[in-house]
Amino acid sequence: MPKILLVDDVDLFLELERSYLDGLGYDLVTASSGEEALKRLEKIAPDLLLLDYYMPGMDGDEVCRLIRKSQRWRHLPILMVTAAGKPEEVQRCLDAGCDDYICKPVNKQELQEKVQRLLGAIKRRTAERVAVQLPVQMREGERLHVASTRDLSTTGVRLKSSAPLGENTTVEIKLELPDGKPLELYGKIKRAPKQPEDGCGVYFLHPDPASKERIDRLLRQKKAEQRAQTGVDPQLNQRMLTLEEECAKLRAAQDEANLRIGELEQENLEFANQLVQVEEVNNNLTNLYIASSRLHSTLDREETLEIIKEVVINFVGAEKFAVYLYNKSSSRLSFETGEGFDEDDIFPEVSLGNGVLGKTAKSGENYFQDGPLNEGSDDLLHPIVAIPLIIQGQMIGVLAIYRLFIQKEQLASIDYQLFSMLGEHAATALFSSSLYARSERKRQTYQGFVDLLLK
């Protein structure tokens, strides 16, 4: 049974990773820091390491570099989990020696496929390759190589290069496509040539859908050209090209359907989450159930606020956000906690009806900015998303999102449901912790009176 070591400082995210990989025949072991993972590495002897990039103390890239210095662990498959997916961050992950990376919020199917591929359960070569000759610029660290493609697919490429390249070398590839617009991808050398003329096999790391579509379109055109050169009847060739285009559309539709199935599965489990009131986290439930269970497992106000932050970062994919609480006596919203702000940021108290924040608090309705969200907002009164925190008709605050991680350029249909349900659970948890704090203060006061009377 393959053993996987999951490393993340957020317990909530470890539970999510466990739920995604549980029942697939893996022995799952966890560590809550890079230091702990290094100490336990020899004893655990994992077959794969799922490593968070951002951690207090020692970051994931530093852990990865230290592991790669060991002869025993030089070839241990490492899958890095990064929150933002920014190019410079991805480059640091790859430079550290990881085999692949995945972005938060993590997609269940993508995580399972990457884990299976790194463990060797999926054949490396699953997509059709077509003979294509294209000029390529390939960067390996500070070295720049000129190469050319020998064959190409949507998942990888075979390159002819005079420069010797070792297996597991991470490279940046720039393909000069016929349309004049270069295509830039990250790649990993997986089949180093015995002779330079043999060509090296490279698989693409985390290619986005637009890049896959451009490659797929090029491959269809090249196959049509090759058929024409072999004397295939032009009408038959055109019919085959049309069929291939239809197949490509069907594959895209299938991918969309698979994604929607995952979303529906998540939606169903989130609705089930409304009915289930248990404290024990069930690994088979979806991420929101795990998040809500954590939220309702404590009556400590500060801990509740910290869990809300964990949920917003790891499940919503927010890079910059704030929680504002409503003060009845002043009829204003006041900043309580948040993430992604500068130390010198000043948070004004917000009156009801003032800006997006004030209007959301006054109306009690969710606010979602129209159009692309990738630019975010630096205006504290105008977040891109604002969710009122309401319980029993009473507004207690507002969750404001100012910027999402780079891979979340716009909201999907499931996100609207996620935001609404998160607002409900956050409001309930904050209300419960406030009630508990007040009752605890009263208990202590009464206990003080009793103690005085008994003296």
Protein backbone atom coordinates (compact mmCIF):
# COMPACT_ATOMS: atom_id res chain seq x y z
CA MET A 1 0.00 0.00 0.00
CA PRO A 2 1.64 3.31 -1.07
CA LYS A 3 2.30 5.63 1.84
CA ILE A 4 1.62 9.37 1.39
CA LEU A 5 2.87 11.99 3.84
CA LEU A 6 0.55 15.04 3.93
CA VAL A 7 2.25 18.18 5.27
CA ASP A 8 0.26 21.33 6.10
CA ASP A 9 0.11 23.61 9.14
CA VAL A 10 -3.69 23.99 8.79
CA ASP A 11 -5.57 21.03 10.31
CA LEU A 12 -8.61 21.97 8.24
CA PHE A 13 -6.71 21.47 4.98
CA LEU A 14 -5.16 18.21 6.13
CA GLU A 15 -8.69 16.91 6.71
CA LEU A 16 -9.67 18.02 3.21
CA GLU A 17 -6.69 16.23 1.61
CA ARG A 18 -7.48 13.14 3.63
CA SER A 19 -11.11 13.16 2.47
CA TYR A 20 -10.02 13.44 -1.19
CA LEU A 21 -7.54 10.54 -0.97
CA ASP A 22 -9.27 8.32 1.57
CA GLY A 23 -10.54 4.99 0.25
CA LEU A 24 -8.15 4.91 -2.74
CA GLY A 25 -5.75 2.38 -1.26
CA TYR A 26 -3.23 4.75 0.31
CA ASP A 27 -1.72 4.80 3.78
CA LEU A 28 -2.16 8.49 4.74
CA VAL A 29 0.16 10.03 7.34
CA THR A 30 0.19 13.71 8.37
CA ALA A 31 2.68 16.27 9.67
CA SER A 32 1.81 19.83 10.71
CA SER A 33 5.11 21.53 9.83
CA GLY A 34 8.15 21.24 7.61
CA GLU A 35 10.35 20.57 10.60
CA GLU A 36 8.13 17.70 11.74
CA ALA A 37 8.10 16.22 8.23
CA LEU A 38 11.91 16.21 8.07
CA LYS A 39 12.21 14.62 11.51
CA ARG A 40 9.74 11.84 10.65
CA LEU A 41 10.87 11.22 7.07
CA GLU A 42 13.21 8.31 7.82
CA LYS A 43 10.71 6.61 10.13
CA ILE A 44 7.69 7.09 7.86
CA ALA A 45 9.53 6.33 4.57
CA PRO A 46 6.73 7.72 2.35
CA ASP A 47 6.25 6.87 -1.32
CA LEU A 48 4.99 10.40 -2.04
CA LEU A 49 5.06 13.75 -0.25
CA LEU A 50 2.16 16.23 -0.52
CA LEU A 51 3.78 19.42 0.73
CA ASP A 52 2.21 22.81 1.49
CA TYR A 53 4.19 25.79 0.21
CA TYR A 54 3.32 28.40 2.84
CA MET A 55 4.00 27.28 6.42
CA PRO A 56 5.26 29.08 9.53
CA GLY A 57 8.89 28.41 10.27
CA MET A 58 10.13 26.43 7.29
CA ASP A 59 8.35 26.93 3.96
CA GLY A 60 7.68 24.04 1.61
CA ASP A 61 10.35 25.01 -0.92
CA GLU A 62 13.02 24.96 1.81
CA VAL A 63 11.82 21.53 2.97
CA CYS A 64 11.96 20.29 -0.61
CA ARG A 65 15.54 21.54 -1.10
CA LEU A 66 16.73 19.83 2.07
CA ILE A 67 15.08 16.56 1.03
CA ARG A 68 16.70 16.68 -2.41
CA LYS A 69 20.14 16.92 -0.78
CA SER A 70 19.67 13.42 0.63
CA GLN A 71 20.77 10.59 -1.64
CA ARG A 72 17.96 8.39 -0.33
CA TRP A 73 15.19 10.93 -1.04
CA ARG A 74 16.56 12.48 -4.22
CA HIS A 75 13.88 10.80 -6.32
CA LEU A 76 10.99 10.88 -3.81
CA PRO A 77 7.91 12.20 -5.70
CA ILE A 78 6.95 15.60 -4.23
CA LEU A 79 3.69 17.36 -5.06
CA MET A 80 3.69 20.97 -3.84
CA VAL A 81 0.45 22.66 -2.80
CA THR A 82 0.55 26.40 -3.47
CA ALA A 83 -2.09 28.92 -2.45
CA ALA A 84 -1.74 31.55 -5.14
CA GLY A 85 -0.26 29.84 -8.19
CA LYS A 86 1.67 33.00 -9.08
CA PRO A 87 4.44 32.49 -11.68
CA GLU A 88 7.26 33.49 -9.32
CA GLU A 89 5.89 31.21 -6.61
CA VAL A 90 5.52 28.30 -9.02
CA GLN A 91 9.07 28.87 -10.21
CA ARG A 92 10.39 28.68 -6.63
CA CYS A 93 8.54 25.39 -6.15
CA LEU A 94 9.99 23.91 -9.32
CA ASP A 95 13.49 25.25 -8.60
CA ALA A 96 13.34 23.56 -5.20
CA GLY A 97 12.95 20.21 -6.96
CA CYS A 98 9.27 19.30 -6.67
CA ASP A 99 7.85 17.00 -9.35
CA ASP A 100 4.57 18.84 -9.81
CA TYR A 101 2.33 21.39 -8.11
CA ILE A 102 -1.37 22.00 -7.50
CA CYS A 103 -3.17 25.21 -6.54
CA LYS A 104 -5.62 25.92 -3.74
CA PRO A 105 -8.58 25.62 -3.67
CA VAL A 106 -7.63 22.06 -4.61
CA ASN A 107 -9.72 20.22 -7.21
CA LYS A 108 -10.47 16.69 -6.01
CA GLN A 109 -10.13 14.99 -9.42
CA GLU A 110 -6.94 16.87 -10.30
CA LEU A 111 -5.33 15.93 -6.97
CA GLN A 112 -6.20 12.26 -7.38
CA GLU A 113 -4.86 12.16 -10.95
CA LYS A 114 -1.59 13.87 -10.03
CA VAL A 115 -1.06 11.54 -7.06
CA GLN A 116 -1.76 8.48 -9.22
CA ARG A 117 0.59 9.67 -11.96
CA LEU A 118 3.43 10.40 -9.54
CA LEU A 119 2.97 6.98 -7.97
CA GLY A 120 3.05 5.38 -11.42
CA ALA A 121 -0.59 4.24 -11.47
CA ILE A 122 -1.36 6.18 -14.67
CA LYS A 123 0.57 5.62 -17.84
CA ARG A 124 2.63 8.64 -18.70
CA ARG A 125 1.59 8.59 -22.28
CA THR A 126 -2.18 8.79 -22.45
CA ALA A 127 -2.68 11.39 -25.20
CA GLU A 128 -2.07 10.87 -28.92
CA ARG A 129 1.21 12.33 -30.15
CA VAL A 130 1.58 13.86 -33.60
CA ALA A 131 4.81 14.47 -35.50
CA VAL A 132 5.28 18.26 -35.36
CA GLN A 133 8.39 20.31 -35.96
CA LEU A 134 8.39 23.63 -34.13
CA PRO A 135 11.21 25.83 -32.84
CA VAL A 136 11.47 25.83 -29.06
CA GLN A 137 13.24 27.95 -26.49
CA MET A 138 13.93 25.99 -23.33
CA ARG A 139 15.16 27.59 -20.11
CA GLU A 140 16.82 25.46 -17.43
CA GLY A 141 17.58 27.75 -14.49
CA GLU A 142 19.80 30.46 -15.96
CA ARG A 143 20.67 28.40 -19.06
CA LEU A 144 18.79 28.98 -22.30
CA HIS A 145 18.66 26.19 -24.91
CA VAL A 146 17.37 26.18 -28.45
CA ALA A 147 15.56 22.99 -29.44
CA SER A 148 12.83 21.72 -31.74
CA THR A 149 9.83 19.45 -31.28
CA ARG A 150 9.72 15.96 -32.75
CA ASP A 151 6.19 15.08 -31.68
CA LEU A 152 3.61 16.79 -29.55
CA SER A 153 0.45 16.05 -27.54
CA THR A 154 -1.75 17.99 -25.13
CA THR A 155 0.13 16.44 -22.19
CA GLY A 156 3.75 16.48 -23.33
CA VAL A 157 6.34 16.86 -26.05
CA ARG A 158 9.43 15.07 -27.37
CA LEU A 159 12.25 17.52 -28.00
CA LYS A 160 15.44 17.34 -30.01
CA SER A 161 18.15 19.26 -28.22
CA SER A 162 21.92 19.24 -28.40
CA ALA A 163 22.13 20.14 -24.71
CA PRO A 164 22.30 17.18 -22.29
CA LEU A 165 19.31 17.18 -19.92
CA GLY A 166 18.89 14.86 -16.94
CA GLU A 167 15.68 13.23 -15.82
CA ASN A 168 13.46 15.26 -13.47
CA THR A 169 14.98 18.51 -14.70
CA THR A 170 12.42 21.33 -14.57
CA VAL A 171 12.35 23.52 -17.66
CA GLU A 172 10.42 26.49 -19.01
CA ILE A 173 9.31 25.85 -22.59
CA LYS A 174 8.34 28.45 -25.15
CA LEU A 175 6.77 26.87 -28.24
CA GLU A 176 6.75 29.04 -31.37
CA LEU A 177 3.31 28.18 -32.78
CA PRO A 178 2.40 28.85 -36.44
CA ASP A 179 -0.11 31.57 -35.45
CA GLY A 180 2.83 33.72 -34.33
CA LYS A 181 1.80 33.72 -30.68
CA PRO A 182 4.27 31.77 -28.52
CA LEU A 183 2.96 29.31 -25.95
CA GLU A 184 4.79 29.23 -22.61
CA LEU A 185 4.59 26.16 -20.37
CA TYR A 186 6.44 24.53 -17.49
CA GLY A 187 7.74 21.03 -18.11
CA LYS A 188 9.58 18.16 -16.46
CA ILE A 189 12.11 15.92 -18.22
CA LYS A 190 10.91 12.34 -17.75
CA ARG A 191 12.75 10.46 -20.48
CA ALA A 192 16.31 11.64 -20.93
CA PRO A 193 17.85 10.50 -24.25
CA LYS A 194 20.74 8.08 -24.39
CA GLN A 195 21.86 9.94 -27.50
CA PRO A 196 21.03 13.64 -28.22
CA GLU A 197 19.40 12.72 -31.53
CA ASP A 198 16.93 10.43 -29.71
CA GLY A 199 15.05 13.37 -28.22
CA CYS A 200 13.96 13.85 -24.62
CA GLY A 201 10.43 13.31 -23.30
CA VAL A 202 8.84 16.19 -21.40
CA TYR A 203 5.46 16.24 -19.69
CA PHE A 204 3.70 19.54 -19.14
CA LEU A 205 3.16 20.78 -15.60
CA HIS A 206 -0.30 22.14 -14.88
CA PRO A 207 -1.21 23.31 -18.42
CA ASP A 208 -4.26 25.59 -18.35
CA PRO A 209 -7.34 24.84 -20.51
CA ALA A 210 -6.55 27.62 -23.00
CA SER A 211 -3.06 26.19 -23.63
CA LYS A 212 -4.48 22.70 -24.08
CA GLU A 213 -7.01 24.02 -26.59
CA ARG A 214 -4.29 25.79 -28.63
CA ILE A 215 -2.19 22.62 -28.75
CA ASP A 216 -5.22 20.49 -29.62
CA ARG A 217 -6.17 22.83 -32.46
CA LEU A 218 -2.61 22.71 -33.83
CA LEU A 219 -2.56 18.90 -33.67
CA ARG A 220 -5.80 18.66 -35.66
CA GLN A 221 -4.39 20.94 -38.33
CA LYS A 222 -1.13 18.99 -38.54
CA LYS A 223 -2.94 15.67 -38.88
CA ALA A 224 -5.06 17.12 -41.70
CA GLU A 225 -1.92 18.38 -43.46
CA GLN A 226 -0.24 14.98 -43.10
CA ARG A 227 -3.27 13.21 -44.55
CA ALA A 228 -3.33 15.61 -47.49
CA GLN A 229 0.36 14.91 -48.20
CA THR A 230 -0.30 11.16 -48.31
CA GLY A 231 -2.91 11.60 -51.04
CA VAL A 232 -6.08 11.29 -48.97
CA ASP A 233 -9.13 12.53 -50.87
CA PRO A 234 -9.65 16.24 -49.97
CA GLN A 235 -13.32 15.74 -49.18
CA LEU A 236 -12.54 12.76 -46.94
CA ASN A 237 -9.76 14.75 -45.31
CA GLN A 238 -12.18 17.61 -44.61
CA ARG A 239 -14.73 15.21 -43.16
CA MET A 240 -12.07 13.69 -40.90
CA LEU A 241 -10.97 17.16 -39.79
CA THR A 242 -14.59 18.04 -39.00
CA LEU A 243 -15.00 14.81 -37.03
CA GLU A 244 -11.82 15.52 -35.06
CA GLU A 245 -13.09 18.99 -34.24
CA GLU A 246 -16.37 17.49 -33.06
CA CYS A 247 -14.42 14.99 -30.94
CA ALA A 248 -12.44 17.86 -29.44
CA LYS A 249 -15.70 19.61 -28.56
CA LEU A 250 -17.04 16.40 -27.04
CA ARG A 251 -13.87 16.00 -24.97
CA ALA A 252 -14.22 19.59 -23.76
CA ALA A 253 -17.88 18.95 -22.96
CA GLN A 254 -16.91 15.77 -21.11
CA ASP A 255 -14.32 17.68 -19.08
CA GLU A 256 -16.95 20.31 -18.28
CA ALA A 257 -19.42 17.56 -17.33
CA ASN A 258 -16.86 15.93 -15.04
CA LEU A 259 -16.23 19.29 -13.41
CA ARG A 260 -19.95 19.85 -12.99
CA ILE A 261 -20.36 16.37 -11.50
CA GLY A 262 -17.73 17.32 -8.93
CA GLU A 263 -19.55 20.58 -8.25
CA LEU A 264 -22.88 18.78 -7.87
CA GLU A 265 -21.28 16.30 -5.51
CA GLN A 266 -20.00 19.21 -3.46
CA GLU A 267 -23.38 20.95 -3.55
CA ASN A 268 -25.18 17.82 -2.38
CA LEU A 269 -22.78 17.33 0.48
CA GLU A 270 -23.09 20.99 1.44
CA PHE A 271 -26.88 20.62 1.63
CA ALA A 272 -26.41 17.46 3.71
CA ASN A 273 -24.17 19.59 5.88
CA GLN A 274 -27.26 21.64 6.84
CA LEU A 275 -28.91 18.55 8.36
CA VAL A 276 -25.92 16.95 10.05
CA GLN A 277 -25.07 18.40 13.47
CA VAL A 278 -22.13 16.33 14.65
CA GLU A 279 -18.75 17.35 16.03
CA GLU A 280 -16.65 14.48 14.66
CA VAL A 281 -15.19 15.25 11.24
CA ASN A 282 -16.16 12.63 8.65
CA ASN A 283 -13.47 12.24 6.00
CA ASN A 284 -16.02 11.24 3.38
CA LEU A 285 -17.87 14.58 3.49
CA THR A 286 -16.91 17.56 1.42
CA ASN A 287 -14.80 20.58 2.33
CA LEU A 288 -17.62 22.78 3.61
CA TYR A 289 -18.83 20.08 5.98
CA ILE A 290 -15.29 19.86 7.38
CA ALA A 291 -15.13 23.64 7.66
CA SER A 292 -18.53 23.96 9.38
CA SER A 293 -17.68 21.15 11.80
CA ARG A 294 -14.55 22.99 12.79
CA LEU A 295 -16.45 26.26 13.16
CA HIS A 296 -19.03 24.70 15.48
CA SER A 297 -16.50 22.71 17.51
CA THR A 298 -15.43 25.68 19.64
CA LEU A 299 -17.10 28.38 21.71
CA ASP A 300 -13.95 30.46 22.00
CA ARG A 301 -14.41 33.69 20.05
CA GLU A 302 -10.77 34.18 19.04
CA GLU A 303 -10.47 30.58 17.89
CA THR A 304 -13.72 30.94 15.92
CA LEU A 305 -12.29 33.97 14.09
CA GLU A 306 -9.08 32.08 13.28
CA ILE A 307 -11.05 29.15 11.85
CA ILE A 308 -13.09 31.55 9.71
CA LYS A 309 -9.82 32.89 8.31
CA GLU A 310 -8.57 29.35 7.57
CA VAL A 311 -11.81 28.53 5.76
CA VAL A 312 -11.80 31.73 3.67
CA ILE A 313 -8.18 31.20 2.59
CA ASN A 314 -8.22 27.46 1.91
CA PHE A 315 -11.75 26.85 0.68
CA VAL A 316 -12.91 30.14 -0.83
CA GLY A 317 -9.49 30.97 -2.27
CA ALA A 318 -9.32 34.52 -0.88
CA GLU A 319 -5.98 36.28 -0.68
CA LYS A 320 -7.21 39.54 0.87
CA PHE A 321 -10.32 39.71 3.07
CA ALA A 322 -11.75 41.11 6.30
CA VAL A 323 -14.41 40.34 8.89
CA TYR A 324 -16.33 43.40 10.13
CA LEU A 325 -18.61 43.18 13.18
CA TYR A 326 -21.62 45.38 13.84
CA ASN A 327 -21.76 47.57 16.96
CA LYS A 328 -25.38 48.27 17.94
CA SER A 329 -24.55 51.21 20.18
CA SER A 330 -22.71 53.11 17.42
CA SER A 331 -24.65 51.59 14.48
CA ARG A 332 -21.35 51.06 12.69
CA LEU A 333 -19.23 48.23 11.32
CA SER A 334 -15.76 47.82 12.83
CA PHE A 335 -12.83 45.78 11.48
CA GLU A 336 -12.29 42.64 13.56
CA THR A 337 -9.77 40.48 11.66
CA GLY A 338 -8.49 39.81 8.17
CA GLU A 339 -5.61 38.81 5.92
CA GLY A 340 -3.55 40.36 3.14
CA PHE A 341 -3.45 43.96 4.35
CA ASP A 342 -0.47 46.24 4.90
CA GLU A 343 0.53 47.07 8.46
CA ASP A 344 -0.24 50.77 7.93
CA ASP A 345 -3.76 50.18 6.56
CA ILE A 346 -6.36 52.16 8.50
CA PHE A 347 -9.83 50.63 8.78
CA PRO A 348 -12.55 53.24 9.20
CA GLU A 349 -15.77 52.49 11.03
CA VAL A 350 -18.49 52.10 8.42
CA SER A 351 -21.99 53.53 8.74
CA LEU A 352 -24.97 51.59 7.43
CA GLY A 353 -25.55 52.44 3.77
CA ASN A 354 -22.01 53.76 3.23
CA GLY A 355 -20.27 52.05 0.28
CA VAL A 356 -20.68 48.38 -0.61
CA LEU A 357 -19.97 47.36 2.99
CA GLY A 358 -22.58 49.63 4.51
CA LYS A 359 -25.19 48.83 1.85
CA THR A 360 -24.66 45.09 2.31
CA ALA A 361 -25.08 45.42 6.08
CA LYS A 362 -28.21 47.54 5.66
CA SER A 363 -29.90 45.39 3.00
CA GLY A 364 -28.80 42.00 4.34
CA GLU A 365 -28.22 40.80 0.76
CA ASN A 366 -25.07 39.27 -0.73
CA TYR A 367 -23.00 41.46 -3.03
CA PHE A 368 -20.93 40.11 -5.95
CA GLN A 369 -19.01 42.42 -8.27
CA ASP A 370 -19.99 42.06 -11.91
CA GLY A 371 -17.37 41.05 -14.52
CA PRO A 372 -13.78 39.83 -14.02
CA LEU A 373 -12.49 39.71 -10.46
CA ASN A 374 -8.78 39.16 -11.10
CA GLU A 375 -7.82 42.80 -10.41
CA GLY A 376 -9.38 42.74 -6.94
CA SER A 377 -10.02 45.93 -4.96
CA ASP A 378 -7.92 48.11 -2.65
CA ASP A 379 -10.90 50.28 -1.64
CA LEU A 380 -11.88 49.15 1.86
CA LEU A 381 -15.47 50.31 1.34
CA HIS A 382 -15.84 48.48 -1.99
CA PRO A 383 -14.85 44.79 -1.82
CA ILE A 384 -15.48 42.48 -4.77
CA VAL A 385 -17.66 40.23 -2.61
CA ALA A 386 -19.57 41.12 0.58
CA ILE A 387 -21.57 38.58 2.60
CA PRO A 388 -23.75 39.74 5.52
CA LEU A 389 -23.45 37.61 8.65
CA ILE A 390 -27.06 37.18 9.77
CA ILE A 391 -28.68 34.91 12.36
CA GLN A 392 -32.38 34.87 13.21
CA GLY A 393 -32.84 38.06 11.22
CA GLN A 394 -30.17 39.87 13.22
CA MET A 395 -27.16 41.26 11.33
CA ILE A 396 -23.95 40.80 13.32
CA GLY A 397 -21.33 41.65 10.70
CA VAL A 398 -20.03 41.40 7.13
CA LEU A 399 -17.43 39.16 5.45
CA ALA A 400 -15.65 41.25 2.79
CA ILE A 401 -13.44 39.74 0.05
CA TYR A 402 -11.05 42.15 -1.67
CA ARG A 403 -8.88 39.83 -3.77
CA LEU A 404 -8.96 36.18 -4.83
CA PHE A 405 -5.95 34.06 -5.64
CA ILE A 406 -4.65 34.32 -9.20
CA GLN A 407 -6.37 31.16 -10.46
CA LYS A 408 -9.78 32.44 -9.30
CA GLU A 409 -10.35 35.08 -11.96
CA GLN A 410 -14.12 34.78 -11.71
CA LEU A 411 -16.73 33.06 -9.61
CA ALA A 412 -18.25 29.76 -10.65
CA SER A 413 -21.88 28.89 -9.95
CA ILE A 414 -20.87 26.77 -6.97
CA ASP A 415 -19.07 29.75 -5.38
CA TYR A 416 -22.30 31.69 -4.82
CA GLN A 417 -23.72 28.78 -2.85
CA LEU A 418 -20.44 28.36 -0.97
CA PHE A 419 -20.34 32.04 0.06
CA SER A 420 -23.95 32.00 1.26
CA MET A 421 -23.54 28.84 3.33
CA LEU A 422 -20.21 30.03 4.72
CA GLY A 423 -21.90 33.27 5.84
CA GLU A 424 -24.61 31.28 7.64
CA HIS A 425 -22.13 29.05 9.46
CA ALA A 426 -19.78 31.93 10.34
CA ALA A 427 -22.68 33.98 11.75
CA THR A 428 -23.92 31.05 13.85
CA ALA A 429 -20.43 30.30 15.19
CA LEU A 430 -19.75 33.97 16.10
CA PHE A 431 -23.17 34.36 17.71
CA SER A 432 -22.71 31.17 19.77
CA SER A 433 -19.24 32.20 20.94
CA SER A 434 -20.54 35.66 21.95
CA LEU A 435 -23.42 34.13 23.93
CA TYR A 436 -21.02 31.75 25.65
CA ALA A 437 -18.65 34.59 26.54
CA ARG A 438 -21.49 36.61 28.09
CA SER A 439 -22.85 33.65 30.03
CA GLU A 440 -19.36 32.80 31.25
CA ARG A 441 -18.85 36.36 32.52
CA LYS A 442 -22.19 36.17 34.36
CA ARG A 443 -21.28 32.79 35.84
CA GLN A 444 -18.00 34.15 37.12
CA THR A 445 -19.80 37.18 38.63
CA TYR A 446 -22.37 34.99 40.40
CA GLN A 447 -19.62 32.69 41.58
CA GLY A 448 -17.85 35.70 43.04
CA PHE A 449 -20.98 36.72 44.97
CA VAL A 450 -21.44 33.17 46.26
CA ASP A 451 -17.81 33.01 47.35
CA LEU A 452 -18.25 36.31 49.28
CA LEU A 453 -21.42 35.07 51.00
CA LEU A 454 -19.79 31.82 52.05
CA LYS A 455 -16.82 33.52 53.64
